[in-house]
């Protein structure tokens, strides 16, 4: 859904774009690129990793796998890399195919900066999918059965993708009070009614009443903007418990469709309105309906500004999620003694006595191998 800003003598009106008549979209967002990555592909990544360890432990093939000259780190890294390539290569091919189709469209223009932003968004998407693959292998390493692993992972997926990103906003609203859009509209209507009645009673200078309405609306909008920004900052800090929220915040800010760019656009529109409000009022008073004004211009934030505003932190936070999940998977991948015979113990020759066995690499003294203990000398 898009938004447009309409400037008039009383201020700036925000209008929503054309909305869908499908009632399902009232509960779920439109399935755009980020929705596919956050919801669908994250679930696919979990399904890739949920049985990598638990299935082999359940089928008894883990002892054969670790009985050779391979370490736990090599087994885990090999499984992770193979599954990650199987997941990321088709995803990148399909995404690049769609982008190449847009490149040949004459109505769509890509600059070098836009291609760089797309590459950064793809890198963030791969980091996000890598985390869920590592999470799947972590739970698989900690469970004995694949059925248990998939149940635990489905619960974790629902918690990280749906619950935590929405929980942060609900918690933040308990600490930051933001007036509703309806309350803001009612205040603007009361201001408009008051000034219109005053203008009718004075039968005179409507221009001053227009300016008063514009100033009152700007003051209410500024108060709303400050409260809303505090709410967004607090909710984002809480939502960072979920990698899905970090991906959404970083990707939308890099693409120029996030809350930061919307707030900046609204501030630029207000400044533009304040610059042309007096000519508009004068033209309205003189009855000039075809007057022309300076064109509105807007420049998107650069990548440096986007990263400084928090996108770099969100990207680094996704990397931390990946490192932590893989490290925990490695720490949890400790086969039981009865499940595997370590290669070092099987490969070294052993020397057995009547009551015990010793490795051939251990030195055996002549006194310890004698049939009776030696007496201490007097």
Protein backbone atom coordinates (compact mmCIF):
# COMPACT_ATOMS: atom_id res chain seq x y z
CA UNK A 1 0.00 0.00 0.00
CA UNK A 2 1.36 3.41 -0.98
CA UNK A 3 0.84 6.82 0.57
CA UNK A 4 0.55 10.27 -0.94
CA UNK A 5 0.85 13.70 0.63
CA UNK A 6 -1.53 16.46 -0.42
CA UNK A 7 -0.62 20.05 0.46
CA UNK A 8 -3.34 22.63 0.97
CA UNK A 9 -3.88 25.88 2.77
CA UNK A 10 -4.62 24.05 6.03
CA UNK A 11 -1.60 21.75 6.06
CA UNK A 12 -0.54 18.33 4.80
CA UNK A 13 -3.03 15.51 4.32
CA UNK A 14 -1.76 11.92 4.21
CA UNK A 15 -3.78 9.74 1.90
CA UNK A 16 -3.52 5.97 1.60
CA UNK A 17 -3.23 4.39 -1.80
CA UNK A 18 -5.52 1.84 -3.34
CA UNK A 19 -6.16 -1.05 -0.97
CA UNK A 20 -7.13 -4.61 -1.76
CA UNK A 21 -10.64 -5.90 -1.23
CA UNK A 22 -9.33 -9.25 -0.02
CA UNK A 23 -10.15 -9.58 3.67
CA UNK A 24 -7.19 -11.93 4.19
CA UNK A 25 -4.78 -8.99 3.75
CA UNK A 26 -6.31 -7.42 6.86
CA UNK A 27 -4.65 -10.17 8.90
CA UNK A 28 -1.56 -11.02 6.85
CA UNK A 29 0.72 -8.71 4.86
CA UNK A 30 0.99 -8.95 1.11
CA UNK A 31 3.39 -11.75 0.03
CA UNK A 32 6.26 -9.60 -1.22
CA UNK A 33 9.94 -10.54 -1.46
CA UNK A 34 10.67 -10.01 2.24
CA UNK A 35 7.58 -11.97 3.25
CA UNK A 36 8.73 -14.94 1.17
CA UNK A 37 12.19 -14.83 2.75
CA UNK A 38 11.04 -14.21 6.33
CA UNK A 39 8.24 -16.78 6.43
CA UNK A 40 8.47 -19.35 3.66
CA UNK A 41 12.21 -19.75 3.09
CA UNK A 42 12.99 -19.68 6.81
CA UNK A 43 10.66 -22.67 7.23
CA UNK A 44 12.36 -24.39 4.29
CA UNK A 45 15.76 -23.82 5.93
CA UNK A 46 14.51 -25.46 9.13
CA UNK A 47 13.24 -28.44 7.14
CA UNK A 48 16.69 -28.75 5.57
CA UNK A 49 18.43 -28.98 8.94
CA UNK A 50 15.98 -30.59 11.36
CA UNK A 51 17.16 -34.20 10.82
CA UNK A 52 20.82 -33.80 9.88
CA UNK A 53 22.04 -35.27 13.19
CA UNK A 54 18.96 -36.75 14.86
CA UNK A 55 18.03 -38.89 11.85
CA UNK A 56 21.49 -40.44 11.67
CA UNK A 57 21.47 -41.03 15.42
CA UNK A 58 18.02 -42.58 15.14
CA UNK A 59 19.02 -44.86 12.24
CA UNK A 60 22.34 -45.85 13.81
CA UNK A 61 24.53 -44.40 11.04
CA UNK A 62 26.17 -41.80 13.25
CA UNK A 63 28.69 -44.33 14.57
CA UNK A 64 29.69 -45.17 11.00
CA UNK A 65 30.04 -41.51 10.11
CA UNK A 66 32.21 -40.59 13.08
CA UNK A 67 34.08 -43.88 13.09
CA UNK A 68 36.30 -42.62 10.26
CA UNK A 69 39.11 -40.05 10.39
CA UNK A 70 36.77 -37.04 10.60
CA UNK A 71 36.11 -34.68 13.47
CA UNK A 72 32.85 -33.32 14.78
CA UNK A 73 33.66 -29.92 13.29
CA UNK A 74 34.23 -31.40 9.83
CA UNK A 75 30.99 -33.39 9.92
CA UNK A 76 28.96 -30.42 11.12
CA UNK A 77 30.57 -27.96 8.70
CA UNK A 78 30.14 -30.34 5.76
CA UNK A 79 26.48 -30.90 6.47
CA UNK A 80 25.88 -27.18 6.99
CA UNK A 81 27.72 -26.16 3.82
CA UNK A 82 25.98 -28.73 1.64
CA UNK A 83 22.53 -27.76 2.86
CA UNK A 84 23.28 -24.05 2.62
CA UNK A 85 24.39 -24.37 -0.99
CA UNK A 86 21.32 -26.47 -1.81
CA UNK A 87 19.15 -23.70 -0.36
CA UNK A 88 20.97 -20.55 -1.45
CA UNK A 89 21.89 -21.40 -5.05
CA UNK A 90 18.28 -21.88 -6.31
CA UNK A 91 17.19 -18.83 -4.30
CA UNK A 92 19.88 -16.63 -5.87
CA UNK A 93 19.21 -17.95 -9.37
CA UNK A 94 15.48 -17.25 -9.17
CA UNK A 95 16.04 -13.79 -7.64
CA UNK A 96 18.64 -12.81 -10.23
CA UNK A 97 16.38 -14.09 -13.01
CA UNK A 98 13.58 -11.85 -11.79
CA UNK A 99 15.94 -8.88 -11.48
CA UNK A 100 17.26 -9.46 -15.00
CA UNK A 101 13.71 -9.39 -16.36
CA UNK A 102 13.21 -6.00 -14.71
CA UNK A 103 16.47 -4.75 -16.20
CA UNK A 104 15.10 -5.28 -19.70
CA UNK A 105 11.90 -3.42 -18.88
CA UNK A 106 12.05 0.07 -20.37
CA UNK A 107 9.77 1.48 -17.66
CA UNK A 108 12.07 0.35 -14.84
CA UNK A 109 15.43 2.06 -14.39
CA UNK A 110 18.15 0.60 -12.20
CA UNK A 111 21.12 2.70 -11.21
CA UNK A 112 24.41 1.35 -9.91
CA UNK A 113 23.33 2.32 -6.42
CA UNK A 114 20.09 0.37 -6.78
CA UNK A 115 21.99 -2.75 -7.85
CA UNK A 116 24.29 -2.35 -4.85
CA UNK A 117 21.30 -2.06 -2.53
CA UNK A 118 19.79 -5.20 -4.06
CA UNK A 119 23.05 -7.08 -3.48
CA UNK A 120 23.08 -5.99 0.18
CA UNK A 121 19.48 -7.14 0.63
CA UNK A 122 20.35 -10.53 -0.88
CA UNK A 123 23.32 -10.83 1.49
CA UNK A 124 21.04 -10.10 4.45
CA UNK A 125 18.55 -12.69 3.21
CA UNK A 126 21.31 -15.31 3.01
CA UNK A 127 22.44 -14.46 6.56
CA UNK A 128 18.86 -14.87 7.72
CA UNK A 129 18.44 -18.25 6.04
CA UNK A 130 21.82 -19.41 7.34
CA UNK A 131 20.66 -18.71 10.89
CA UNK A 132 17.59 -20.88 10.55
CA UNK A 133 19.66 -23.65 8.98
CA UNK A 134 22.06 -23.47 11.94
CA UNK A 135 19.11 -23.43 14.33
CA UNK A 136 17.76 -26.58 12.71
CA UNK A 137 21.09 -28.35 13.08
CA UNK A 138 21.37 -27.15 16.69
CA UNK A 139 18.04 -28.69 17.68
CA UNK A 140 18.85 -31.79 15.63
CA UNK A 141 22.11 -32.22 17.55
CA UNK A 142 20.34 -31.91 20.91
CA UNK A 143 17.51 -34.36 20.20
CA UNK A 144 17.50 -38.10 19.63
CA UNK A 145 14.54 -38.33 17.28
CA UNK A 146 13.76 -36.37 14.12
CA UNK A 147 10.08 -36.11 15.09
CA UNK A 148 11.02 -34.35 18.33
CA UNK A 149 13.35 -32.05 16.44
CA UNK A 150 10.73 -30.91 13.94
CA UNK A 151 8.16 -30.20 16.67
CA UNK A 152 10.60 -28.07 18.64
CA UNK A 153 11.69 -26.21 15.50
CA UNK A 154 8.14 -25.43 14.40
CA UNK A 155 7.47 -23.89 17.79
CA UNK A 156 10.70 -21.87 17.63
CA UNK A 157 9.90 -20.76 14.05
CA UNK A 158 6.46 -19.48 15.02
CA UNK A 159 7.92 -17.70 18.04
CA UNK A 160 10.76 -15.99 16.13
CA UNK A 161 8.83 -15.09 12.97
CA UNK A 162 5.35 -14.17 14.24
CA UNK A 163 5.24 -13.71 18.02
CA UNK A 164 8.36 -11.76 18.96
CA UNK A 165 8.21 -9.16 16.12
CA UNK A 166 4.66 -8.23 17.18
CA UNK A 167 5.29 -8.55 20.90
CA UNK A 168 7.82 -5.72 20.87
CA UNK A 169 5.27 -3.22 19.58
CA UNK A 170 2.70 -4.29 22.15
CA UNK A 171 5.20 -3.91 24.99
CA UNK A 172 6.48 -0.57 23.69
CA UNK A 173 2.94 0.85 23.64
CA UNK A 174 2.73 0.28 27.38
CA UNK A 175 5.58 2.75 27.92
CA UNK A 176 5.08 5.26 25.09
CA UNK A 177 1.67 6.83 24.57
CA UNK A 178 0.93 7.65 20.93
CA UNK A 179 -2.42 9.20 19.99
CA UNK A 180 -4.45 7.30 17.44
CA UNK A 181 -5.03 8.58 13.92
CA UNK A 182 -8.70 9.07 14.77
CA UNK A 183 -7.89 11.25 17.79
CA UNK A 184 -5.48 13.30 15.67
CA UNK A 185 -8.14 13.78 12.99
CA UNK A 186 -10.68 14.91 15.58
CA UNK A 187 -8.26 17.54 16.91
CA UNK A 188 -7.69 18.83 13.40
CA UNK A 189 -11.43 19.01 12.78
CA UNK A 190 -11.95 20.96 16.00
CA UNK A 191 -9.23 23.42 15.01
CA UNK A 192 -10.76 23.82 11.56
CA UNK A 193 -14.27 24.37 12.99
CA UNK A 194 -13.04 26.92 15.51
CA UNK A 195 -11.16 29.01 12.97
CA UNK A 196 -13.97 28.87 10.43
CA UNK A 197 -16.46 30.12 13.03
CA UNK A 198 -14.08 32.88 14.05
CA UNK A 199 -13.63 33.86 10.41
CA UNK A 200 -17.38 33.98 9.83
CA UNK A 201 -17.84 36.13 12.92
CA UNK A 202 -15.12 38.59 11.94
CA UNK A 203 -16.12 38.70 8.24
CA UNK A 204 -12.58 39.62 7.41
CA UNK A 205 -9.05 38.21 7.13
CA UNK A 206 -9.31 34.53 6.17
CA UNK A 207 -5.59 34.34 5.42
CA UNK A 208 -4.66 34.65 9.08
CA UNK A 209 -7.09 31.90 10.04
CA UNK A 210 -5.59 29.66 7.37
CA UNK A 211 -2.14 30.29 8.83
CA UNK A 212 -3.42 29.51 12.33
CA UNK A 213 -4.90 26.21 11.13
CA UNK A 214 -1.62 25.36 9.40
CA UNK A 215 0.44 26.15 12.52
CA UNK A 216 -1.86 24.13 14.78
CA UNK A 217 -1.75 21.16 12.46
CA UNK A 218 2.03 21.34 12.24
CA UNK A 219 2.29 21.44 16.03
CA UNK A 220 0.06 18.37 16.39
CA UNK A 221 1.98 16.55 13.66
CA UNK A 222 5.30 17.35 15.32
CA UNK A 223 4.10 16.05 18.69
CA UNK A 224 2.80 12.91 17.01
CA UNK A 225 6.06 12.43 15.13
CA UNK A 226 8.21 12.68 18.28
CA UNK A 227 6.03 10.21 20.16
CA UNK A 228 5.95 7.84 17.20
CA UNK A 229 9.75 7.91 16.82
CA UNK A 230 10.19 7.04 20.50
CA UNK A 231 7.74 4.17 20.05
CA UNK A 232 9.61 2.91 16.98
CA UNK A 233 13.00 3.05 18.71
CA UNK A 234 11.77 1.14 21.75
CA UNK A 235 9.86 -1.46 19.75
CA UNK A 236 12.85 -2.04 17.45
CA UNK A 237 15.15 -2.62 20.39
CA UNK A 238 12.72 -5.18 21.80
CA UNK A 239 12.06 -6.79 18.42
CA UNK A 240 15.77 -7.40 17.89
CA UNK A 241 15.29 -10.53 19.96
CA UNK A 242 13.99 -11.95 16.68
CA UNK A 243 16.19 -12.21 13.57
CA UNK A 244 13.06 -11.73 11.44
CA UNK A 245 12.64 -8.21 12.84
CA UNK A 246 16.31 -7.40 12.25
CA UNK A 247 16.04 -8.56 8.63
CA UNK A 248 12.86 -6.54 8.06
CA UNK A 249 14.28 -3.34 9.56
CA UNK A 250 17.64 -3.54 7.78
CA UNK A 251 16.24 -4.56 4.37
CA UNK A 252 13.50 -1.92 4.29
CA UNK A 253 15.89 0.84 5.32
CA UNK A 254 18.42 -0.20 2.66
CA UNK A 255 15.66 -0.34 0.03
CA UNK A 256 14.45 3.12 1.03
CA UNK A 257 10.98 1.94 2.06
CA UNK A 258 11.46 1.86 5.83
CA UNK A 259 10.17 4.06 8.61
CA UNK A 260 13.29 6.22 8.53
CA UNK A 261 12.77 7.26 4.91
CA UNK A 262 9.06 7.81 5.47
CA UNK A 263 9.75 10.13 8.41
CA UNK A 264 12.32 12.01 6.38
CA UNK A 265 9.93 12.35 3.45
CA UNK A 266 7.20 13.68 5.74
CA UNK A 267 9.63 16.25 7.22
CA UNK A 268 10.64 17.39 3.72
CA UNK A 269 6.97 17.74 2.75
CA UNK A 270 6.30 19.90 5.82
CA UNK A 271 9.27 22.14 5.01
CA UNK A 272 8.07 22.45 1.42
CA UNK A 273 4.58 23.33 2.63
CA UNK A 274 5.92 26.04 4.94
CA UNK A 275 7.87 27.51 2.01
CA UNK A 276 4.85 27.83 -0.30
CA UNK A 277 1.98 28.32 2.17
CA UNK A 278 1.99 32.12 1.89
CA UNK A 279 1.85 32.15 -1.95
CA UNK A 280 -0.97 29.58 -1.83
CA UNK A 281 -3.01 31.70 0.59
CA UNK A 282 -2.40 34.82 -1.47
CA UNK A 283 -3.47 33.08 -4.66
CA UNK A 284 -6.56 31.68 -2.97
CA UNK A 285 -7.52 35.17 -1.76
CA UNK A 286 -6.98 36.65 -5.23
CA UNK A 287 -8.94 33.88 -6.91
CA UNK A 288 -6.01 32.58 -8.99
CA UNK A 289 -6.67 28.87 -9.48
CA UNK A 290 -3.97 28.08 -12.07
CA UNK A 291 -0.97 29.36 -10.12
CA UNK A 292 2.28 27.39 -10.37
CA UNK A 293 4.74 26.77 -7.56
CA UNK A 294 8.22 25.39 -7.18
CA UNK A 295 8.43 21.63 -7.74
CA UNK A 296 8.96 19.36 -4.76
CA UNK A 297 12.25 17.45 -4.74
CA UNK A 298 13.36 14.66 -2.47
CA UNK A 299 16.66 12.82 -2.18
CA UNK A 300 16.83 9.38 -0.67
CA UNK A 301 19.24 8.72 2.15
CA UNK A 302 22.65 7.41 1.16
CA UNK A 303 23.86 4.01 2.29
CA UNK A 304 26.19 5.68 4.78
CA UNK A 305 23.23 7.46 6.36
CA UNK A 306 21.18 4.26 6.37
CA UNK A 307 23.95 2.29 8.06
CA UNK A 308 24.53 5.02 10.62
CA UNK A 309 20.81 5.05 11.44
CA UNK A 310 20.85 1.39 12.52
CA UNK A 311 20.92 -0.86 9.45
CA UNK A 312 24.56 -1.79 10.08
CA UNK A 313 23.73 -2.83 13.63
CA UNK A 314 20.87 -5.01 12.41
CA UNK A 315 23.14 -6.68 9.84
CA UNK A 316 25.81 -7.30 12.48
CA UNK A 317 23.14 -8.64 14.81
CA UNK A 318 22.12 -11.18 12.16
CA UNK A 319 25.76 -12.28 11.89
CA UNK A 320 25.90 -12.67 15.68
CA UNK A 321 22.78 -14.85 15.54
CA UNK A 322 24.51 -17.06 12.97
CA UNK A 323 27.75 -17.42 14.90
CA UNK A 324 25.93 -18.16 18.15
CA UNK A 325 23.63 -20.77 16.57
CA UNK A 326 26.47 -22.61 14.83
CA UNK A 327 28.69 -22.51 17.95
CA UNK A 328 25.88 -23.94 20.06
CA UNK A 329 25.26 -26.61 17.42
CA UNK A 330 28.93 -27.59 17.58
CA UNK A 331 28.87 -27.64 21.38
CA UNK A 332 25.69 -29.72 21.41
CA UNK A 333 27.01 -32.22 18.86
CA UNK A 334 28.62 -34.58 21.36
CA UNK A 335 27.93 -38.21 20.47
CA UNK A 336 27.42 -40.63 23.32
CA UNK A 337 30.24 -43.05 24.12
CA UNK A 338 28.18 -46.06 23.08
CA UNK A 339 27.23 -44.49 19.74
CA UNK A 340 30.72 -44.16 18.30
CA UNK A 341 34.21 -45.52 18.76
CA UNK A 342 36.65 -42.66 18.31
CA UNK A 343 39.05 -43.09 15.40
CA UNK A 344 42.08 -42.45 17.58
CA UNK A 345 41.17 -45.37 19.88
CA UNK A 346 40.45 -47.76 17.00
CA UNK A 347 43.54 -46.91 15.00
CA UNK A 348 46.14 -47.35 17.78
CA UNK A 349 47.35 -50.93 18.51
CA UNK A 350 46.61 -52.19 22.02
CA UNK A 351 48.57 -54.38 24.41
CA UNK A 352 46.43 -56.47 26.70
CA UNK A 353 47.40 -58.23 29.89
CA UNK A 354 45.54 -60.69 32.07
CA UNK A 355 43.42 -57.99 33.72
CA UNK A 356 43.78 -54.79 31.67
CA UNK A 357 44.65 -53.38 28.24
CA UNK A 358 47.08 -50.59 27.55
CA UNK A 359 47.79 -48.66 24.41
CA UNK A 360 51.04 -49.53 22.72
CA UNK A 361 52.04 -45.92 22.82
CA UNK A 362 52.16 -45.92 26.60
CA UNK A 363 55.56 -46.79 28.09
CA UNK A 364 55.63 -49.89 30.31
CA UNK A 365 58.42 -50.17 32.88
CA UNK A 366 60.05 -53.48 33.79
CA UNK A 367 59.01 -53.16 37.40
CA UNK A 368 55.33 -52.77 36.54
CA UNK A 369 55.37 -55.84 34.24
CA UNK A 370 56.94 -58.22 36.79
CA UNK A 371 54.78 -60.90 38.35
CA UNK A 372 55.34 -59.75 41.98
CA UNK A 373 55.90 -56.33 43.44
CA UNK A 374 59.49 -55.53 44.38
CA UNK A 375 60.41 -55.22 48.03
CA UNK A 376 61.93 -52.01 49.26
CA UNK A 377 65.59 -52.27 50.05
CA UNK A 378 66.51 -52.33 53.66
